[in-house]
Amino acid sequence: MLKKILGVFVLVIVIFLGVVASRPATFEIKRSLAINAAPEVVQAQITNFKTWNEWSPWEKLDPAMKKTYDGAPTGVGAHYAWDSANGDVGAGEMKITDVTPERVGIDLHFLRPFEAENHILFDLTKTGDATTVTWTMAGKNSFGGKAMSLFMDMDKLVGGDFDKGLASLKTVSEAAQAAAVKKAADDAAAAAPPPADAAPAGTDAGTP
């Protein structure tokens, strides 16, 4: 009887391992949102890691986490590392590897709660006066990741955070766009010559 139970147990394990092994070797999570701002305005919020504090959904999970910024201040070469005691945030690092007017590429290295090497891509597509931002994270599925995918929908789990992040990025970018438009209008008004019929400074416009 014991041998039969042990045999069934081994068979279940073999079947489980086979099912896990058959899961996709790679994964991709992608979300998009239209933002009413110019591509360069949106991109400025992405290529400076210090501004992620204003829109990244993970930054808000542990305001006290340790952060390190080095490399270039913005754009290619910018590097950001974080270390948090919060299990939902863990520890890791990001480095910007590619910047063009249409995209930002970032290498992402998770250290905790599990180790993984992923790649992030922000595609910026101008659509009229708006910019459609597509946020993609892709990487290899480790055995642990394949096993987790049997019990959790990672697309919904992480994709929900992407949705929150894009909504916050929209708010921040549209505010930056409005500020840029106001500044341009103020600068233009300040630089404009006075009307031709305006009285010279220091004179009384009512005196013949």
Protein backbone atom coordinates (compact mmCIF):
# COMPACT_ATOMS: atom_id res chain seq x y z
CA MET A 1 0.00 0.00 0.00
CA LEU A 2 2.80 2.35 0.93
CA LYS A 3 4.57 1.65 -2.35
CA LYS A 4 1.37 2.42 -4.27
CA ILE A 5 0.91 5.75 -2.45
CA LEU A 6 4.55 6.63 -3.04
CA GLY A 7 4.20 5.72 -6.71
CA VAL A 8 1.15 7.97 -7.09
CA PHE A 9 2.98 10.80 -5.32
CA VAL A 10 5.99 10.46 -7.65
CA LEU A 11 3.67 10.36 -10.67
CA VAL A 12 1.94 13.55 -9.55
CA ILE A 13 5.30 15.27 -9.13
CA VAL A 14 6.43 14.13 -12.58
CA ILE A 15 3.21 15.37 -14.16
CA PHE A 16 3.49 18.70 -12.32
CA LEU A 17 7.10 19.15 -13.45
CA GLY A 18 6.09 18.32 -17.00
CA VAL A 19 3.26 20.87 -16.96
CA VAL A 20 5.58 23.55 -15.52
CA ALA A 21 8.25 22.77 -18.13
CA SER A 22 5.67 23.17 -20.90
CA ARG A 23 4.87 26.76 -19.91
CA PRO A 24 6.21 29.55 -22.19
CA ALA A 25 9.94 30.26 -21.84
CA THR A 26 9.40 34.01 -22.08
CA PHE A 27 6.80 36.51 -20.90
CA GLU A 28 5.61 39.94 -21.96
CA ILE A 29 3.36 42.37 -20.10
CA LYS A 30 2.12 45.41 -22.02
CA ARG A 31 -0.21 48.33 -21.34
CA SER A 32 -0.96 51.55 -23.29
CA LEU A 33 -2.53 54.93 -22.53
CA ALA A 34 -3.03 58.18 -24.45
CA ILE A 35 -1.54 61.22 -22.70
CA ASN A 36 -2.39 64.79 -23.71
CA ALA A 37 1.19 65.99 -23.85
CA ALA A 38 4.00 66.14 -26.39
CA PRO A 39 6.29 63.07 -26.63
CA GLU A 40 9.30 65.03 -25.33
CA VAL A 41 7.33 66.15 -22.28
CA VAL A 42 6.31 62.58 -21.47
CA GLN A 43 9.79 61.27 -22.17
CA ALA A 44 11.30 63.76 -19.72
CA GLN A 45 9.29 62.10 -16.92
CA ILE A 46 10.71 58.68 -17.86
CA THR A 47 14.38 59.41 -18.57
CA ASN A 48 14.99 61.05 -15.18
CA PHE A 49 14.69 58.38 -12.48
CA LYS A 50 14.16 61.03 -9.79
CA THR A 51 10.80 61.92 -11.35
CA TRP A 52 9.62 58.29 -11.03
CA ASN A 53 8.80 59.12 -7.43
CA GLU A 54 5.88 61.17 -8.80
CA TRP A 55 4.27 58.46 -10.91
CA SER A 56 5.72 54.96 -10.37
CA PRO A 57 3.21 52.75 -8.51
CA TRP A 58 5.99 50.95 -6.60
CA GLU A 59 7.55 54.11 -5.19
CA LYS A 60 4.43 54.71 -3.08
CA LEU A 61 4.56 51.25 -1.47
CA ASP A 62 7.54 52.19 0.69
CA PRO A 63 8.33 55.93 0.91
CA ALA A 64 11.20 55.10 3.29
CA MET A 65 13.08 52.74 0.97
CA LYS A 66 16.75 53.42 0.30
CA LYS A 67 17.42 54.91 -3.16
CA THR A 68 20.68 55.43 -5.03
CA TYR A 69 21.08 57.50 -8.20
CA ASP A 70 24.29 57.48 -10.21
CA GLY A 71 25.62 57.49 -13.75
CA ALA A 72 24.17 60.11 -16.08
CA PRO A 73 21.61 62.45 -14.45
CA THR A 74 19.14 61.65 -17.22
CA GLY A 75 18.95 59.60 -20.41
CA VAL A 76 21.32 56.83 -21.48
CA GLY A 77 23.57 55.76 -18.61
CA ALA A 78 21.25 56.91 -15.83
CA HIS A 79 21.21 54.29 -13.07
CA TYR A 80 18.83 53.82 -10.16
CA ALA A 81 18.94 51.24 -7.36
CA TRP A 82 16.45 50.63 -4.57
CA ASP A 83 16.43 48.55 -1.41
CA SER A 84 13.30 48.07 0.65
CA ALA A 85 12.29 45.90 3.58
CA ASN A 86 8.81 45.79 2.05
CA GLY A 87 8.39 42.41 0.38
CA ASP A 88 6.24 43.92 -2.37
CA VAL A 89 9.10 46.23 -3.41
CA GLY A 90 12.22 44.24 -2.57
CA ALA A 91 15.52 45.36 -4.09
CA GLY A 92 16.84 45.89 -7.58
CA GLU A 93 18.28 48.30 -10.09
CA MET A 94 17.48 49.90 -13.44
CA LYS A 95 19.70 51.42 -16.12
CA ILE A 96 18.59 53.37 -19.18
CA THR A 97 20.21 51.81 -22.23
CA ASP A 98 18.43 53.37 -25.20
CA VAL A 99 16.72 56.71 -25.85
CA THR A 100 15.26 57.96 -29.13
CA PRO A 101 12.38 60.41 -29.72
CA GLU A 102 10.06 57.39 -30.00
CA ARG A 103 11.25 55.10 -27.21
CA VAL A 104 13.10 54.58 -23.94
CA GLY A 105 14.77 51.23 -23.22
CA ILE A 106 15.68 50.17 -19.66
CA ASP A 107 17.44 47.10 -18.27
CA LEU A 108 15.77 45.93 -15.06
CA HIS A 109 17.51 43.66 -12.54
CA PHE A 110 15.49 42.34 -9.60
CA LEU A 111 17.47 41.14 -6.58
CA ARG A 112 14.66 40.50 -4.08
CA PRO A 113 12.18 38.92 -3.44
CA PHE A 114 13.52 36.92 -6.41
CA GLU A 115 16.31 37.47 -8.90
CA ALA A 116 15.44 38.20 -12.53
CA GLU A 117 16.76 40.09 -15.55
CA ASN A 118 14.04 41.84 -17.54
CA HIS A 119 13.83 44.57 -20.16
CA ILE A 120 11.46 47.54 -20.10
CA LEU A 121 10.44 49.53 -23.16
CA PHE A 122 8.40 52.72 -23.31
CA ASP A 123 7.14 53.40 -26.84
CA LEU A 124 5.99 56.98 -27.48
CA THR A 125 3.71 57.45 -30.48
CA LYS A 126 2.47 60.93 -31.37
CA THR A 127 -1.26 60.85 -32.10
CA GLY A 128 -2.52 64.33 -32.99
CA ASP A 129 -1.88 66.53 -29.95
CA ALA A 130 -1.52 63.48 -27.69
CA THR A 131 1.11 60.80 -27.12
CA THR A 132 0.22 57.13 -26.84
CA VAL A 133 2.57 55.53 -24.33
CA THR A 134 3.03 51.75 -24.45
CA TRP A 135 4.81 50.28 -21.43
CA THR A 136 6.23 46.79 -21.98
CA MET A 137 8.18 44.48 -19.69
CA ALA A 138 9.64 41.30 -21.16
CA GLY A 139 11.99 38.61 -19.94
CA LYS A 140 12.69 34.91 -19.54
CA ASN A 141 10.44 32.69 -17.47
CA SER A 142 12.49 30.83 -14.87
CA PHE A 143 11.21 27.52 -13.53
CA GLY A 144 9.83 29.39 -10.51
CA GLY A 145 8.12 31.90 -12.77
CA LYS A 146 6.57 29.11 -14.83
CA ALA A 147 5.31 27.43 -11.66
CA MET A 148 3.84 30.70 -10.35
CA SER A 149 2.03 31.26 -13.64
CA LEU A 150 -0.02 28.12 -12.96
CA PHE A 151 -1.59 29.76 -9.92
CA MET A 152 -1.42 33.50 -10.69
CA ASP A 153 -2.22 35.59 -13.74
CA MET A 154 0.98 37.63 -13.87
CA ASP A 155 -0.39 39.79 -16.68
CA LYS A 156 -3.27 40.93 -14.49
CA LEU A 157 -1.14 41.13 -11.35
CA VAL A 158 1.68 43.26 -12.80
CA GLY A 159 -0.40 44.77 -15.59
CA GLY A 160 -2.64 46.39 -12.97
CA ASP A 161 0.41 48.21 -11.60
CA PHE A 162 1.28 49.32 -15.14
CA ASP A 163 -2.24 50.76 -15.49
CA LYS A 164 -1.83 52.70 -12.24
CA GLY A 165 1.61 53.92 -13.27
CA LEU A 166 0.44 55.11 -16.68
CA ALA A 167 -2.51 56.95 -15.09
CA SER A 168 -0.10 58.77 -12.76
CA LEU A 169 2.33 59.42 -15.64
CA LYS A 170 -0.59 60.97 -17.54
CA THR A 171 -1.38 63.32 -14.63
CA VAL A 172 2.27 64.37 -14.19
CA SER A 173 2.93 64.79 -17.93
CA GLU A 174 -0.22 66.79 -18.61
CA ALA A 175 0.61 69.11 -15.70
CA ALA A 176 4.13 69.56 -17.14
CA GLN A 177 2.65 70.26 -20.58
CA ALA A 178 0.28 72.89 -19.16
CA ALA A 179 3.16 74.54 -17.29
CA ALA A 180 5.28 74.59 -20.47
CA VAL A 181 2.46 76.17 -22.49
CA LYS A 182 1.89 78.83 -19.82
CA LYS A 183 5.61 79.64 -19.62
CA ALA A 184 5.83 79.98 -23.42
CA ALA A 185 2.84 82.35 -23.41
CA ASP A 186 4.29 84.40 -20.56
CA ASP A 187 7.69 84.62 -22.28
CA ALA A 188 6.07 85.67 -25.55
CA ALA A 189 4.02 88.35 -23.79
CA ALA A 190 7.10 89.69 -22.01
CA ALA A 191 9.10 89.82 -25.23
CA ALA A 192 6.37 91.45 -27.33
CA PRO A 193 6.90 95.19 -28.17
CA PRO A 194 4.44 97.63 -26.57
CA PRO A 195 1.47 98.75 -28.72
CA ALA A 196 2.30 101.60 -31.11
CA ASP A 197 -0.21 103.94 -29.45
CA ALA A 198 1.06 103.26 -25.95
CA ALA A 199 2.26 106.35 -24.04
CA PRO A 200 6.03 106.49 -23.39
CA ALA A 201 7.03 105.60 -19.87
CA GLY A 202 6.90 108.58 -17.49
CA THR A 203 4.37 110.61 -19.55
CA ASP A 204 0.71 111.39 -18.97
CA ALA A 205 -1.33 109.82 -21.75
CA GLY A 206 -4.03 112.48 -21.22
CA THR A 207 -1.71 115.49 -21.79
CA PRO A 208 -1.95 117.05 -25.33
